[in-house]
C-alpha cells in the first residue's frame, strides 16, 4: 500500500503556535519557567528559609528546595502546607503538590 501524502494545512499558521514551538525549540520556555519559579519561591518561602534556600526543579509535582543547613529541613516541615498553597497561587502551572528539602552541596560558595 502506498501512503498518501499528508494534506497541506489550509490557511496560515496561528502566530501563537509558531511562538510556542520557537520557545520550546530554543529552551527559553524552561529558562523563563525556572526564573518565575525562583521568584515565586522567594515570595512564598517561610521567613526562616528566606536567604538560606533556593528552589530547584519540579518533578511529578514535587518541588526540590535546597537549604543551607539541616535544621531548615525540619523548619520547612512546620510551614509546608501553607507554602504549597501559596506556590499554587503564584505558579499554578507548576502543579506543586509537595516540597522536598535537600542540603546545598557547598552553601559557603
C-alpha atoms as a PDB file:
ATOM      1  CA  UNK A   1       0.000   0.000   0.000  1.00  0.00           C
ATOM      2  CA  UNK A   2       1.228   3.427  -0.863  1.00  0.00           C
ATOM      3  CA  UNK A   3       0.946   6.140   1.736  1.00  0.00           C
ATOM      4  CA  UNK A   4      -0.986   9.140   0.655  1.00  0.00           C
ATOM      5  CA  UNK A   5       0.763  12.441   1.267  1.00  0.00           C
ATOM      6  CA  UNK A   6      -0.363  14.492   4.231  1.00  0.00           C
ATOM      7  CA  UNK A   7      -2.859  17.139   3.287  1.00  0.00           C
ATOM      8  CA  UNK A   8      -1.401  20.613   3.435  1.00  0.00           C
ATOM      9  CA  UNK A   9      -2.931  22.852   6.054  1.00  0.00           C
ATOM     10  CA  UNK A  10      -5.356  25.328   4.672  1.00  0.00           C
ATOM     11  CA  UNK A  11      -4.591  28.882   5.591  1.00  0.00           C
ATOM     12  CA  UNK A  12      -1.816  30.460   7.644  1.00  0.00           C
ATOM     13  CA  UNK A  13      -0.431  29.009  10.883  1.00  0.00           C
ATOM     14  CA  UNK A  14      -1.503  30.787  14.054  1.00  0.00           C
ATOM     15  CA  UNK A  15       1.221  33.055  15.462  1.00  0.00           C
ATOM     16  CA  UNK A  16       0.725  31.616  18.961  1.00  0.00           C
ATOM     17  CA  UNK A  17       1.508  28.147  17.677  1.00  0.00           C
ATOM     18  CA  UNK A  18       4.681  29.379  15.987  1.00  0.00           C
ATOM     19  CA  UNK A  19       5.865  31.222  19.099  1.00  0.00           C
ATOM     20  CA  UNK A  20       5.203  28.198  21.325  1.00  0.00           C
ATOM     21  CA  UNK A  21       7.254  25.961  19.032  1.00  0.00           C
ATOM     22  CA  UNK A  22      10.057  28.539  18.830  1.00  0.00           C
ATOM     23  CA  UNK A  23      10.234  28.917  22.627  1.00  0.00           C
ATOM     24  CA  UNK A  24      10.288  25.142  23.098  1.00  0.00           C
ATOM     25  CA  UNK A  25      12.962  24.685  20.451  1.00  0.00           C
ATOM     26  CA  UNK A  26      15.280  27.347  21.922  1.00  0.00           C
ATOM     27  CA  UNK A  27      14.778  26.277  25.533  1.00  0.00           C
ATOM     28  CA  UNK A  28      13.648  29.758  26.539  1.00  0.00           C
ATOM     29  CA  UNK A  29      10.391  28.390  27.948  1.00  0.00           C
ATOM     30  CA  UNK A  30      12.287  26.261  30.515  1.00  0.00           C
ATOM     31  CA  UNK A  31      14.608  29.159  31.386  1.00  0.00           C
ATOM     32  CA  UNK A  32      11.685  31.513  31.892  1.00  0.00           C
ATOM     33  CA  UNK A  33       9.824  28.874  33.924  1.00  0.00           C
ATOM     34  CA  UNK A  34      12.805  28.392  36.240  1.00  0.00           C
ATOM     35  CA  UNK A  35      13.082  32.140  36.687  1.00  0.00           C
ATOM     36  CA  UNK A  36       9.405  32.537  37.584  1.00  0.00           C
ATOM     37  CA  UNK A  37       9.642  29.578  39.988  1.00  0.00           C
ATOM     38  CA  UNK A  38      12.659  31.137  41.716  1.00  0.00           C
ATOM     39  CA  UNK A  39      10.756  34.408  42.110  1.00  0.00           C
ATOM     40  CA  UNK A  40       7.683  32.610  43.416  1.00  0.00           C
ATOM     41  CA  UNK A  41       9.836  30.730  45.940  1.00  0.00           C
ATOM     42  CA  UNK A  42      11.343  33.992  47.215  1.00  0.00           C
ATOM     43  CA  UNK A  43       7.825  35.298  47.781  1.00  0.00           C
ATOM     44  CA  UNK A  44       6.302  32.115  49.234  1.00  0.00           C
ATOM     45  CA  UNK A  45       9.236  30.832  51.321  1.00  0.00           C
ATOM     46  CA  UNK A  46       8.768  30.948  55.100  1.00  0.00           C
ATOM     47  CA  UNK A  47      10.715  33.735  56.811  1.00  0.00           C
ATOM     48  CA  UNK A  48      13.101  31.200  58.386  1.00  0.00           C
ATOM     49  CA  UNK A  49      14.135  29.967  54.926  1.00  0.00           C
ATOM     50  CA  UNK A  50      14.424  33.285  53.097  1.00  0.00           C
ATOM     51  CA  UNK A  51      18.005  33.832  52.038  1.00  0.00           C
ATOM     52  CA  UNK A  52      19.014  30.330  53.144  1.00  0.00           C
ATOM     53  CA  UNK A  53      17.194  28.334  50.477  1.00  0.00           C
ATOM     54  CA  UNK A  54      16.562  28.207  46.766  1.00  0.00           C
ATOM     55  CA  UNK A  55      14.060  26.465  44.544  1.00  0.00           C
ATOM     56  CA  UNK A  56      15.208  23.654  42.322  1.00  0.00           C
ATOM     57  CA  UNK A  57      13.194  21.661  39.797  1.00  0.00           C
ATOM     58  CA  UNK A  58       9.638  20.385  39.969  1.00  0.00           C
ATOM     59  CA  UNK A  59       9.367  16.684  39.182  1.00  0.00           C
ATOM     60  CA  UNK A  60       5.961  14.977  39.241  1.00  0.00           C
ATOM     61  CA  UNK A  61       4.563  17.785  41.381  1.00  0.00           C
ATOM     62  CA  UNK A  62       7.405  17.738  43.929  1.00  0.00           C
ATOM     63  CA  UNK A  63       9.438  20.936  44.281  1.00  0.00           C
ATOM     64  CA  UNK A  64      13.028  20.323  45.282  1.00  0.00           C
ATOM     65  CA  UNK A  65      14.295  23.057  47.607  1.00  0.00           C
ATOM     66  CA  UNK A  66      17.955  23.406  48.514  1.00  0.00           C
ATOM     67  CA  UNK A  67      18.668  24.643  52.039  1.00  0.00           C
ATOM     68  CA  UNK A  68      21.915  25.803  53.640  1.00  0.00           C
ATOM     69  CA  UNK A  69      21.766  23.648  56.801  1.00  0.00           C
ATOM     70  CA  UNK A  70      19.918  20.628  58.138  1.00  0.00           C
ATOM     71  CA  UNK A  71      17.852  22.487  60.752  1.00  0.00           C
ATOM     72  CA  UNK A  72      15.999  24.182  57.899  1.00  0.00           C
ATOM     73  CA  UNK A  73      14.785  20.821  56.606  1.00  0.00           C
ATOM     74  CA  UNK A  74      12.897  20.359  59.879  1.00  0.00           C
ATOM     75  CA  UNK A  75      11.788  24.005  59.889  1.00  0.00           C
ATOM     76  CA  UNK A  76      10.209  23.568  56.457  1.00  0.00           C
ATOM     77  CA  UNK A  77       8.008  20.818  57.879  1.00  0.00           C
ATOM     78  CA  UNK A  78       6.187  23.412  60.005  1.00  0.00           C
ATOM     79  CA  UNK A  79       5.308  25.584  57.001  1.00  0.00           C
ATOM     80  CA  UNK A  80       4.926  23.054  54.195  1.00  0.00           C
ATOM     81  CA  UNK A  81       1.131  23.147  53.758  1.00  0.00           C
ATOM     82  CA  UNK A  82       0.783  26.920  53.596  1.00  0.00           C
ATOM     83  CA  UNK A  83       3.880  27.232  51.394  1.00  0.00           C
ATOM     84  CA  UNK A  84       2.470  24.713  48.898  1.00  0.00           C
ATOM     85  CA  UNK A  85      -0.837  26.598  48.873  1.00  0.00           C
ATOM     86  CA  UNK A  86       0.946  29.923  48.248  1.00  0.00           C
ATOM     87  CA  UNK A  87       3.035  28.434  45.435  1.00  0.00           C
ATOM     88  CA  UNK A  88      -0.184  27.086  43.936  1.00  0.00           C
ATOM     89  CA  UNK A  89      -1.455  30.660  43.757  1.00  0.00           C
ATOM     90  CA  UNK A  90       1.800  32.100  42.388  1.00  0.00           C
ATOM     91  CA  UNK A  91       2.740  29.405  39.848  1.00  0.00           C
ATOM     92  CA  UNK A  92      -0.329  27.225  39.270  1.00  0.00           C
ATOM     93  CA  UNK A  93       1.082  25.775  36.038  1.00  0.00           C
ATOM     94  CA  UNK A  94       3.854  24.019  38.002  1.00  0.00           C
ATOM     95  CA  UNK A  95       1.317  21.774  39.779  1.00  0.00           C
ATOM     96  CA  UNK A  96       3.294  21.669  43.040  1.00  0.00           C
ATOM     97  CA  UNK A  97       1.805  19.168  45.494  1.00  0.00           C
ATOM     98  CA  UNK A  98       4.809  18.574  47.773  1.00  0.00           C
ATOM     99  CA  UNK A  99       8.165  20.049  48.770  1.00  0.00           C
ATOM    100  CA  UNK A 100      11.320  18.039  49.376  1.00  0.00           C
ATOM    101  CA  UNK A 101      14.297  19.758  51.011  1.00  0.00           C
ATOM    102  CA  UNK A 102      17.896  18.870  50.275  1.00  0.00           C
ATOM    103  CA  UNK A 103      21.114  20.260  51.653  1.00  0.00           C
ATOM    104  CA  UNK A 104      23.123  22.507  49.350  1.00  0.00           C
ATOM    105  CA  UNK A 105      26.349  20.855  48.238  1.00  0.00           C
ATOM    106  CA  UNK A 106      28.521  23.751  49.400  1.00  0.00           C
ATOM    107  CA  UNK A 107      26.490  26.589  50.942  1.00  0.00           C
ATOM    108  CA  UNK A 108      29.614  28.655  51.627  1.00  0.00           C
ATOM    109  CA  UNK A 109      30.172  29.371  47.953  1.00  0.00           C
END
